[in-house]
Amino acid sequence: VLPERGSSKKGDLRLWQVKAIHKAGDGKVAELELLGAAGVREETQRRADEFRAAALDALDATGIQNRAMDYLREITHAMTRRVR
């Protein structure tokens, strides 16, 4: 979540999910929900899975698999291990 425009304060670095967006006057307002530890783990796992799938498609297209697959496993394992 970003601080007010023009502010030098640091924003809220926690993971939030946008539930809805509503019109408010001339702008829009987002309805947010803070994701707890379980939500963060699920989101990280989902992103790791998406990354793995995209990388595997690219590796299949280029024919590079063996060493790259080991490296890919290490990266996705590190991504999911951090939040546990």
C-alpha atoms as a PDB file:
ATOM      1  CA  VAL A   1       0.000   0.000   0.000  1.00  0.00           C
ATOM      2  CA  LEU A   2       1.521   3.290  -1.080  1.00  0.00           C
ATOM      3  CA  PRO A   3       1.748   6.390   1.139  1.00  0.00           C
ATOM      4  CA  GLU A   4      -0.006   9.616   0.161  1.00  0.00           C
ATOM      5  CA  ARG A   5       1.218  11.223  -3.042  1.00  0.00           C
ATOM      6  CA  GLY A   6       4.195  13.493  -2.363  1.00  0.00           C
ATOM      7  CA  SER A   7       4.999  11.792   0.945  1.00  0.00           C
ATOM      8  CA  SER A   8       8.507  10.484   1.606  1.00  0.00           C
ATOM      9  CA  LYS A   9       7.231   7.854   4.037  1.00  0.00           C
ATOM     10  CA  LYS A  10       7.711   4.177   3.300  1.00  0.00           C
ATOM     11  CA  GLY A  11       4.586   2.345   2.174  1.00  0.00           C
ATOM     12  CA  ASP A  12       3.039  -0.693   3.851  1.00  0.00           C
ATOM     13  CA  LEU A  13       5.109  -3.655   2.624  1.00  0.00           C
ATOM     14  CA  ARG A  14       2.701  -6.363   3.749  1.00  0.00           C
ATOM     15  CA  LEU A  15       0.833  -8.402   1.126  1.00  0.00           C
ATOM     16  CA  TRP A  16      -2.672  -7.113   0.389  1.00  0.00           C
ATOM     17  CA  GLN A  17      -5.386  -8.413  -1.914  1.00  0.00           C
ATOM     18  CA  VAL A  18      -7.757  -6.068  -3.744  1.00  0.00           C
ATOM     19  CA  LYS A  19     -11.318  -7.262  -3.099  1.00  0.00           C
ATOM     20  CA  ALA A  20     -13.198  -4.541  -4.960  1.00  0.00           C
ATOM     21  CA  ILE A  21     -12.784  -1.101  -6.530  1.00  0.00           C
ATOM     22  CA  HIS A  22     -15.454   1.560  -6.016  1.00  0.00           C
ATOM     23  CA  LYS A  23     -15.957   5.003  -7.539  1.00  0.00           C
ATOM     24  CA  ALA A  24     -15.568   7.798  -5.000  1.00  0.00           C
ATOM     25  CA  GLY A  25     -16.019  11.351  -6.202  1.00  0.00           C
ATOM     26  CA  ASP A  26     -13.542  12.017  -8.995  1.00  0.00           C
ATOM     27  CA  GLY A  27     -11.419   8.939  -8.255  1.00  0.00           C
ATOM     28  CA  LYS A  28     -11.600   5.346  -7.211  1.00  0.00           C
ATOM     29  CA  VAL A  29     -11.163   3.603  -3.860  1.00  0.00           C
ATOM     30  CA  ALA A  30      -9.917   0.038  -3.430  1.00  0.00           C
ATOM     31  CA  GLU A  31     -11.321  -2.341  -0.836  1.00  0.00           C
ATOM     32  CA  LEU A  32      -8.301  -4.252   0.505  1.00  0.00           C
ATOM     33  CA  GLU A  33      -7.810  -7.354   2.624  1.00  0.00           C
ATOM     34  CA  LEU A  34      -4.565  -8.082   4.437  1.00  0.00           C
ATOM     35  CA  LEU A  35      -3.336 -11.559   3.645  1.00  0.00           C
ATOM     36  CA  GLY A  36      -2.228 -13.508   6.711  1.00  0.00           C
ATOM     37  CA  ALA A  37       0.702 -15.903   6.844  1.00  0.00           C
ATOM     38  CA  ALA A  38      -1.320 -18.653   5.150  1.00  0.00           C
ATOM     39  CA  GLY A  39      -2.361 -16.266   2.371  1.00  0.00           C
ATOM     40  CA  VAL A  40       1.234 -15.200   1.813  1.00  0.00           C
ATOM     41  CA  ARG A  41       2.374 -18.819   1.573  1.00  0.00           C
ATOM     42  CA  GLU A  42      -0.396 -19.636  -0.902  1.00  0.00           C
ATOM     43  CA  GLU A  43       0.384 -16.564  -3.019  1.00  0.00           C
ATOM     44  CA  THR A  44       4.120 -17.319  -3.024  1.00  0.00           C
ATOM     45  CA  GLN A  45       3.483 -20.935  -3.970  1.00  0.00           C
ATOM     46  CA  ARG A  46       1.144 -19.853  -6.768  1.00  0.00           C
ATOM     47  CA  ARG A  47       3.741 -17.433  -8.147  1.00  0.00           C
ATOM     48  CA  ALA A  48       6.472 -20.065  -7.903  1.00  0.00           C
ATOM     49  CA  ASP A  49       4.254 -22.505  -9.811  1.00  0.00           C
ATOM     50  CA  GLU A  50       3.533 -19.905 -12.512  1.00  0.00           C
ATOM     51  CA  PHE A  51       7.237 -19.100 -12.811  1.00  0.00           C
ATOM     52  CA  ARG A  52       8.125 -22.789 -13.061  1.00  0.00           C
ATOM     53  CA  ALA A  53       5.502 -23.402 -15.751  1.00  0.00           C
ATOM     54  CA  ALA A  54       6.634 -20.434 -17.857  1.00  0.00           C
ATOM     55  CA  ALA A  55      10.286 -21.402 -17.526  1.00  0.00           C
ATOM     56  CA  LEU A  56       9.574 -25.013 -18.443  1.00  0.00           C
ATOM     57  CA  ASP A  57       7.720 -23.905 -21.574  1.00  0.00           C
ATOM     58  CA  ALA A  58      10.694 -21.754 -22.566  1.00  0.00           C
ATOM     59  CA  LEU A  59      13.142 -24.578 -21.889  1.00  0.00           C
ATOM     60  CA  ASP A  60      11.085 -27.017 -23.929  1.00  0.00           C
ATOM     61  CA  ALA A  61      11.002 -24.547 -26.815  1.00  0.00           C
ATOM     62  CA  THR A  62      14.779 -24.168 -26.817  1.00  0.00           C
ATOM     63  CA  GLY A  63      15.654 -27.781 -26.011  1.00  0.00           C
ATOM     64  CA  ILE A  64      17.727 -26.803 -22.944  1.00  0.00           C
ATOM     65  CA  GLN A  65      16.555 -28.879 -20.027  1.00  0.00           C
ATOM     66  CA  ASN A  66      18.914 -30.887 -17.819  1.00  0.00           C
ATOM     67  CA  ARG A  67      21.123 -28.287 -16.091  1.00  0.00           C
ATOM     68  CA  ALA A  68      18.474 -25.594 -16.401  1.00  0.00           C
ATOM     69  CA  MET A  69      15.891 -27.830 -14.727  1.00  0.00           C
ATOM     70  CA  ASP A  70      18.146 -28.286 -11.688  1.00  0.00           C
ATOM     71  CA  TYR A  71      18.654 -24.536 -11.465  1.00  0.00           C
ATOM     72  CA  LEU A  72      14.915 -23.909 -11.835  1.00  0.00           C
ATOM     73  CA  ARG A  73      14.136 -26.341  -9.022  1.00  0.00           C
ATOM     74  CA  GLU A  74      16.603 -24.511  -6.754  1.00  0.00           C
ATOM     75  CA  ILE A  75      15.010 -21.136  -7.501  1.00  0.00           C
ATOM     76  CA  THR A  76      11.418 -22.241  -6.902  1.00  0.00           C
ATOM     77  CA  HIS A  77      12.442 -24.138  -3.761  1.00  0.00           C
ATOM     78  CA  ALA A  78      14.117 -20.987  -2.411  1.00  0.00           C
ATOM     79  CA  MET A  79      11.011 -18.896  -3.229  1.00  0.00           C
ATOM     80  CA  THR A  80       8.713 -21.177  -1.250  1.00  0.00           C
ATOM     81  CA  ARG A  81      11.165 -21.855   1.588  1.00  0.00           C
ATOM     82  CA  ARG A  82      11.464 -18.144   2.529  1.00  0.00           C
ATOM     83  CA  VAL A  83       7.866 -17.772   3.715  1.00  0.00           C
ATOM     84  CA  ARG A  84       7.561 -20.996   5.666  1.00  0.00           C
END
